[in-house]
C-alpha atoms as a PDB file:
ATOM      1  CA  UNK A   1       2.782  28.894 -11.605  1.00  0.00           C
ATOM      2  CA  UNK A   2       2.537  25.504 -13.299  1.00  0.00           C
ATOM      3  CA  UNK A   3       2.004  25.352 -17.030  1.00  0.00           C
ATOM      4  CA  UNK A   4      -0.769  23.094 -18.253  1.00  0.00           C
ATOM      5  CA  UNK A   5       0.989  21.360 -21.159  1.00  0.00           C
ATOM      6  CA  UNK A   6       0.924  17.555 -21.130  1.00  0.00           C
ATOM      7  CA  UNK A   7       4.602  17.007 -20.323  1.00  0.00           C
ATOM      8  CA  UNK A   8       4.490  19.423 -17.386  1.00  0.00           C
ATOM      9  CA  UNK A   9       1.186  17.927 -16.195  1.00  0.00           C
ATOM     10  CA  UNK A  10       2.760  14.456 -16.131  1.00  0.00           C
ATOM     11  CA  UNK A  11       5.697  15.798 -14.134  1.00  0.00           C
ATOM     12  CA  UNK A  12       3.287  17.374 -11.637  1.00  0.00           C
ATOM     13  CA  UNK A  13       1.431  14.075 -11.335  1.00  0.00           C
ATOM     14  CA  UNK A  14       4.671  12.143 -10.841  1.00  0.00           C
ATOM     15  CA  UNK A  15       5.674  14.489  -8.031  1.00  0.00           C
ATOM     16  CA  UNK A  16       2.179  14.295  -6.515  1.00  0.00           C
ATOM     17  CA  UNK A  17       2.126  10.494  -6.636  1.00  0.00           C
ATOM     18  CA  UNK A  18       5.604  10.231  -5.195  1.00  0.00           C
ATOM     19  CA  UNK A  19       4.501  12.422  -2.282  1.00  0.00           C
ATOM     20  CA  UNK A  20       1.314  10.426  -1.833  1.00  0.00           C
ATOM     21  CA  UNK A  21       3.264   7.159  -1.860  1.00  0.00           C
ATOM     22  CA  UNK A  22       5.390   8.476   1.001  1.00  0.00           C
ATOM     23  CA  UNK A  23       2.784  10.357   3.022  1.00  0.00           C
ATOM     24  CA  UNK A  24      -0.501   8.537   2.474  1.00  0.00           C
ATOM     25  CA  UNK A  25       0.225   5.318   4.364  1.00  0.00           C
ATOM     26  CA  UNK A  26       0.912   7.335   7.512  1.00  0.00           C
ATOM     27  CA  UNK A  27      -2.389   9.178   7.098  1.00  0.00           C
ATOM     28  CA  UNK A  28      -4.746   6.228   6.616  1.00  0.00           C
ATOM     29  CA  UNK A  29      -4.051   4.195   9.722  1.00  0.00           C
ATOM     30  CA  UNK A  30      -7.705   3.454  10.482  1.00  0.00           C
ATOM     31  CA  UNK A  31      -8.566   1.708   7.224  1.00  0.00           C
ATOM     32  CA  UNK A  32      -8.355  -1.759   8.764  1.00  0.00           C
ATOM     33  CA  UNK A  33     -11.295  -0.820  10.985  1.00  0.00           C
ATOM     34  CA  UNK A  34     -13.449   0.550   8.186  1.00  0.00           C
ATOM     35  CA  UNK A  35     -15.464  -1.955   6.179  1.00  0.00           C
ATOM     36  CA  UNK A  36     -13.841  -1.937   2.769  1.00  0.00           C
ATOM     37  CA  UNK A  37     -17.191  -2.484   1.105  1.00  0.00           C
ATOM     38  CA  UNK A  38     -18.331   0.993   2.114  1.00  0.00           C
ATOM     39  CA  UNK A  39     -15.329   3.148   1.266  1.00  0.00           C
ATOM     40  CA  UNK A  40     -11.715   2.847   0.223  1.00  0.00           C
ATOM     41  CA  UNK A  41      -8.995   4.366   2.364  1.00  0.00           C
ATOM     42  CA  UNK A  42      -8.095   6.972  -0.229  1.00  0.00           C
ATOM     43  CA  UNK A  43      -8.961   7.989  -3.752  1.00  0.00           C
ATOM     44  CA  UNK A  44      -6.442   9.525  -6.101  1.00  0.00           C
ATOM     45  CA  UNK A  45      -7.109  11.207  -9.398  1.00  0.00           C
ATOM     46  CA  UNK A  46      -4.995  10.190 -12.336  1.00  0.00           C
ATOM     47  CA  UNK A  47      -4.184  11.838 -15.632  1.00  0.00           C
ATOM     48  CA  UNK A  48      -6.349  11.201 -18.657  1.00  0.00           C
ATOM     49  CA  UNK A  49      -3.691   8.952 -20.203  1.00  0.00           C
ATOM     50  CA  UNK A  50      -5.565   5.705 -19.734  1.00  0.00           C
ATOM     51  CA  UNK A  51      -4.912   5.283 -16.003  1.00  0.00           C
ATOM     52  CA  UNK A  52      -8.037   4.853 -13.875  1.00  0.00           C
ATOM     53  CA  UNK A  53      -9.605   8.042 -12.531  1.00  0.00           C
ATOM     54  CA  UNK A  54      -9.834   6.625  -9.010  1.00  0.00           C
ATOM     55  CA  UNK A  55      -7.401   4.504  -7.043  1.00  0.00           C
ATOM     56  CA  UNK A  56      -8.530   2.835  -3.821  1.00  0.00           C
ATOM     57  CA  UNK A  57      -5.702   2.320  -1.334  1.00  0.00           C
ATOM     58  CA  UNK A  58      -6.103   0.016   1.643  1.00  0.00           C
ATOM     59  CA  UNK A  59      -3.480   0.683   4.320  1.00  0.00           C
ATOM     60  CA  UNK A  60      -2.717  -1.793   7.078  1.00  0.00           C
ATOM     61  CA  UNK A  61      -0.337  -1.876  10.036  1.00  0.00           C
ATOM     62  CA  UNK A  62      -0.582  -5.077  12.049  1.00  0.00           C
ATOM     63  CA  UNK A  63      -2.159  -8.371  10.969  1.00  0.00           C
ATOM     64  CA  UNK A  64      -2.074 -10.439  14.100  1.00  0.00           C
ATOM     65  CA  UNK A  65      -4.403 -12.694  16.073  1.00  0.00           C
ATOM     66  CA  UNK A  66      -5.273 -11.687  19.627  1.00  0.00           C
ATOM     67  CA  UNK A  67      -3.990  -8.119  19.424  1.00  0.00           C
ATOM     68  CA  UNK A  68      -6.842  -5.737  20.194  1.00  0.00           C
ATOM     69  CA  UNK A  69      -6.116  -2.150  19.199  1.00  0.00           C
ATOM     70  CA  UNK A  70      -6.916   0.329  16.420  1.00  0.00           C
ATOM     71  CA  UNK A  71      -3.721  -0.519  14.501  1.00  0.00           C
ATOM     72  CA  UNK A  72      -4.445  -4.241  14.154  1.00  0.00           C
ATOM     73  CA  UNK A  73      -6.669  -6.408  12.008  1.00  0.00           C
ATOM     74  CA  UNK A  74      -6.981 -10.114  12.711  1.00  0.00           C
ATOM     75  CA  UNK A  75      -5.850 -12.567  10.035  1.00  0.00           C
ATOM     76  CA  UNK A  76      -9.481 -13.751   9.763  1.00  0.00           C
ATOM     77  CA  UNK A  77     -10.726 -10.223   9.028  1.00  0.00           C
ATOM     78  CA  UNK A  78      -7.843  -9.586   6.643  1.00  0.00           C
ATOM     79  CA  UNK A  79      -8.796 -12.791   4.799  1.00  0.00           C
ATOM     80  CA  UNK A  80     -12.387 -11.471   4.530  1.00  0.00           C
ATOM     81  CA  UNK A  81     -11.067  -8.226   3.012  1.00  0.00           C
ATOM     82  CA  UNK A  82      -8.988 -10.127   0.448  1.00  0.00           C
ATOM     83  CA  UNK A  83     -11.862 -12.526  -0.286  1.00  0.00           C
ATOM     84  CA  UNK A  84     -14.128  -9.526  -0.987  1.00  0.00           C
ATOM     85  CA  UNK A  85     -11.594  -8.048  -3.403  1.00  0.00           C
ATOM     86  CA  UNK A  86     -11.074 -11.400  -5.130  1.00  0.00           C
ATOM     87  CA  UNK A  87     -14.807 -12.158  -5.396  1.00  0.00           C
ATOM     88  CA  UNK A  88     -15.442  -8.706  -6.880  1.00  0.00           C
ATOM     89  CA  UNK A  89     -12.637  -9.093  -9.451  1.00  0.00           C
ATOM     90  CA  UNK A  90     -10.252  -6.450  -8.110  1.00  0.00           C
ATOM     91  CA  UNK A  91      -6.626  -6.701  -9.198  1.00  0.00           C
ATOM     92  CA  UNK A  92      -3.899  -5.456  -6.898  1.00  0.00           C
ATOM     93  CA  UNK A  93      -1.123  -3.267  -8.179  1.00  0.00           C
ATOM     94  CA  UNK A  94       1.850  -1.771  -6.389  1.00  0.00           C
ATOM     95  CA  UNK A  95       2.395   1.941  -6.020  1.00  0.00           C
ATOM     96  CA  UNK A  96       5.316   1.546  -8.434  1.00  0.00           C
ATOM     97  CA  UNK A  97       2.923   0.249 -11.090  1.00  0.00           C
ATOM     98  CA  UNK A  98       0.511   3.122 -10.442  1.00  0.00           C
ATOM     99  CA  UNK A  99       3.360   5.606 -10.804  1.00  0.00           C
ATOM    100  CA  UNK A 100       4.432   4.021 -14.096  1.00  0.00           C
ATOM    101  CA  UNK A 101       0.854   4.061 -15.407  1.00  0.00           C
ATOM    102  CA  UNK A 102       0.408   7.733 -14.576  1.00  0.00           C
ATOM    103  CA  UNK A 103       3.803   8.878 -15.818  1.00  0.00           C
ATOM    104  CA  UNK A 104       4.266   6.603 -18.810  1.00  0.00           C
ATOM    105  CA  UNK A 105       0.750   5.635 -19.808  1.00  0.00           C
ATOM    106  CA  UNK A 106       1.223   1.940 -19.008  1.00  0.00           C
ATOM    107  CA  UNK A 107      -2.187   0.243 -19.171  1.00  0.00           C
ATOM    108  CA  UNK A 108      -3.700  -1.180 -15.989  1.00  0.00           C
ATOM    109  CA  UNK A 109      -6.539  -3.621 -15.316  1.00  0.00           C
ATOM    110  CA  UNK A 110      -9.999  -2.101 -15.019  1.00  0.00           C
ATOM    111  CA  UNK A 111     -10.718  -2.733 -11.303  1.00  0.00           C
ATOM    112  CA  UNK A 112      -7.567  -2.046  -9.312  1.00  0.00           C
ATOM    113  CA  UNK A 113      -6.670  -1.531  -5.677  1.00  0.00           C
ATOM    114  CA  UNK A 114      -3.394  -0.826  -3.884  1.00  0.00           C
ATOM    115  CA  UNK A 115      -2.671  -2.559  -0.584  1.00  0.00           C
ATOM    116  CA  UNK A 116      -0.008  -1.049   1.661  1.00  0.00           C
ATOM    117  CA  UNK A 117       1.550  -2.103   4.943  1.00  0.00           C
ATOM    118  CA  UNK A 118       3.388   0.259   7.282  1.00  0.00           C
ATOM    119  CA  UNK A 119       6.402  -0.430   9.479  1.00  0.00           C
ATOM    120  CA  UNK A 120       7.429  -3.925   8.204  1.00  0.00           C
ATOM    121  CA  UNK A 121       6.096  -5.805  11.209  1.00  0.00           C
ATOM    122  CA  UNK A 122       7.040  -9.497  11.227  1.00  0.00           C
ATOM    123  CA  UNK A 123       3.340 -10.434  11.539  1.00  0.00           C
ATOM    124  CA  UNK A 124       2.722  -8.923   8.106  1.00  0.00           C
ATOM    125  CA  UNK A 125       5.199 -11.419   6.670  1.00  0.00           C
ATOM    126  CA  UNK A 126       3.869 -14.340   8.718  1.00  0.00           C
ATOM    127  CA  UNK A 127       0.102 -13.697   8.509  1.00  0.00           C
ATOM    128  CA  UNK A 128      -0.737 -11.225   5.723  1.00  0.00           C
ATOM    129  CA  UNK A 129       1.614 -12.380   2.948  1.00  0.00           C
ATOM    130  CA  UNK A 130       0.309 -15.975   2.822  1.00  0.00           C
ATOM    131  CA  UNK A 131      -3.256 -14.634   2.588  1.00  0.00           C
ATOM    132  CA  UNK A 132      -2.304 -12.133  -0.110  1.00  0.00           C
ATOM    133  CA  UNK A 133      -0.606 -14.813  -2.156  1.00  0.00           C
ATOM    134  CA  UNK A 134      -3.466 -17.270  -1.639  1.00  0.00           C
ATOM    135  CA  UNK A 135      -5.609 -14.785  -3.581  1.00  0.00           C
ATOM    136  CA  UNK A 136      -2.856 -13.864  -6.066  1.00  0.00           C
ATOM    137  CA  UNK A 137      -2.415 -10.364  -4.655  1.00  0.00           C
ATOM    138  CA  UNK A 138       0.603  -8.155  -4.122  1.00  0.00           C
ATOM    139  CA  UNK A 139       1.218  -5.225  -1.816  1.00  0.00           C
ATOM    140  CA  UNK A 140       3.590  -2.370  -1.078  1.00  0.00           C
ATOM    141  CA  UNK A 141       5.445  -2.671   2.249  1.00  0.00           C
ATOM    142  CA  UNK A 142       6.893   0.446   3.876  1.00  0.00           C
ATOM    143  CA  UNK A 143       9.785  -0.297   6.226  1.00  0.00           C
ATOM    144  CA  UNK A 144      11.687   2.011   8.518  1.00  0.00           C
ATOM    145  CA  UNK A 145      15.281   0.984   8.531  1.00  0.00           C
ATOM    146  CA  UNK A 146      16.290   1.400  12.185  1.00  0.00           C
ATOM    147  CA  UNK A 147      14.206  -1.615  13.295  1.00  0.00           C
ATOM    148  CA  UNK A 148      14.771  -4.056  10.430  1.00  0.00           C
ATOM    149  CA  UNK A 149      15.957  -7.352  11.891  1.00  0.00           C
ATOM    150  CA  UNK A 150      14.963  -6.570  15.475  1.00  0.00           C
ATOM    151  CA  UNK A 151      12.332  -8.628  17.315  1.00  0.00           C
ATOM    152  CA  UNK A 152       8.806  -8.086  15.949  1.00  0.00           C
ATOM    153  CA  UNK A 153      10.068  -6.638  12.632  1.00  0.00           C
ATOM    154  CA  UNK A 154      11.019  -8.196   9.323  1.00  0.00           C
ATOM    155  CA  UNK A 155      14.618  -8.966   8.458  1.00  0.00           C
ATOM    156  CA  UNK A 156      16.473  -7.748   5.394  1.00  0.00           C
ATOM    157  CA  UNK A 157      16.181 -11.268   3.955  1.00  0.00           C
ATOM    158  CA  UNK A 158      12.395 -11.257   4.429  1.00  0.00           C
ATOM    159  CA  UNK A 159      12.147  -7.879   2.675  1.00  0.00           C
ATOM    160  CA  UNK A 160      14.299  -9.206  -0.191  1.00  0.00           C
ATOM    161  CA  UNK A 161      12.070 -12.279  -0.366  1.00  0.00           C
ATOM    162  CA  UNK A 162       8.953 -10.095  -0.627  1.00  0.00           C
ATOM    163  CA  UNK A 163      10.516  -8.089  -3.452  1.00  0.00           C
ATOM    164  CA  UNK A 164      11.480 -11.280  -5.296  1.00  0.00           C
ATOM    165  CA  UNK A 165       7.884 -12.505  -4.958  1.00  0.00           C
ATOM    166  CA  UNK A 166       6.539  -9.372  -6.688  1.00  0.00           C
ATOM    167  CA  UNK A 167       5.719  -7.144  -3.744  1.00  0.00           C
ATOM    168  CA  UNK A 168       7.109  -3.602  -3.598  1.00  0.00           C
ATOM    169  CA  UNK A 169       9.265  -2.304  -0.754  1.00  0.00           C
ATOM    170  CA  UNK A 170       9.298   1.374   0.163  1.00  0.00           C
ATOM    171  CA  UNK A 171      11.001   3.480   2.802  1.00  0.00           C
ATOM    172  CA  UNK A 172       8.898   4.687   5.727  1.00  0.00           C
ATOM    173  CA  UNK A 173      11.826   6.782   7.057  1.00  0.00           C
ATOM    174  CA  UNK A 174      14.904   5.757   9.004  1.00  0.00           C
ATOM    175  CA  UNK A 175      13.582   6.069  12.558  1.00  0.00           C
ATOM    176  CA  UNK A 176       9.803   6.606  12.287  1.00  0.00           C
ATOM    177  CA  UNK A 177       9.868   9.816  14.306  1.00  0.00           C
ATOM    178  CA  UNK A 178       6.601  10.839  15.948  1.00  0.00           C
ATOM    179  CA  UNK A 179       5.793  13.930  13.895  1.00  0.00           C
ATOM    180  CA  UNK A 180       2.840  14.752  16.168  1.00  0.00           C
ATOM    181  CA  UNK A 181       5.317  15.684  18.898  1.00  0.00           C
ATOM    182  CA  UNK A 182       7.419  18.844  18.752  1.00  0.00           C
END
């Protein structure tokens, strides 16, 4: 049984947020199809240490023109999403910053949103990143290591470049196993 003292509560929240940072992007694959004005992809509850009580997370996979499937959003639609956030004064933070705010009490802007990308597709680097940076936004990119540098995926240098530009890089596993299959 967990104790309810403040130190233990922060530890519980750190563990919870670490799990969410790993598991949530794989669970919110349809967010690019949902109008972001109506609902965020996910809402997390934070501690009462000054961090916001709700955290919208928008999770994307592909950002590519001409690709028509449930895992893709066109660059034009992605730009509309980012324009909406910018117009409505949202500030993007990375999951690392959220974790620090929850665990350490670091202050955050009032209207925040986290943007994540799964799989480290090359089109994210080519299409999404310029749009993000046009609006002064950052994101968290989850890469799975077995495909880095292969056709259609980012290279190690591109991932390093994203990190140097203020984006966060996370691990999405080594091989991206299909956990729906036995």
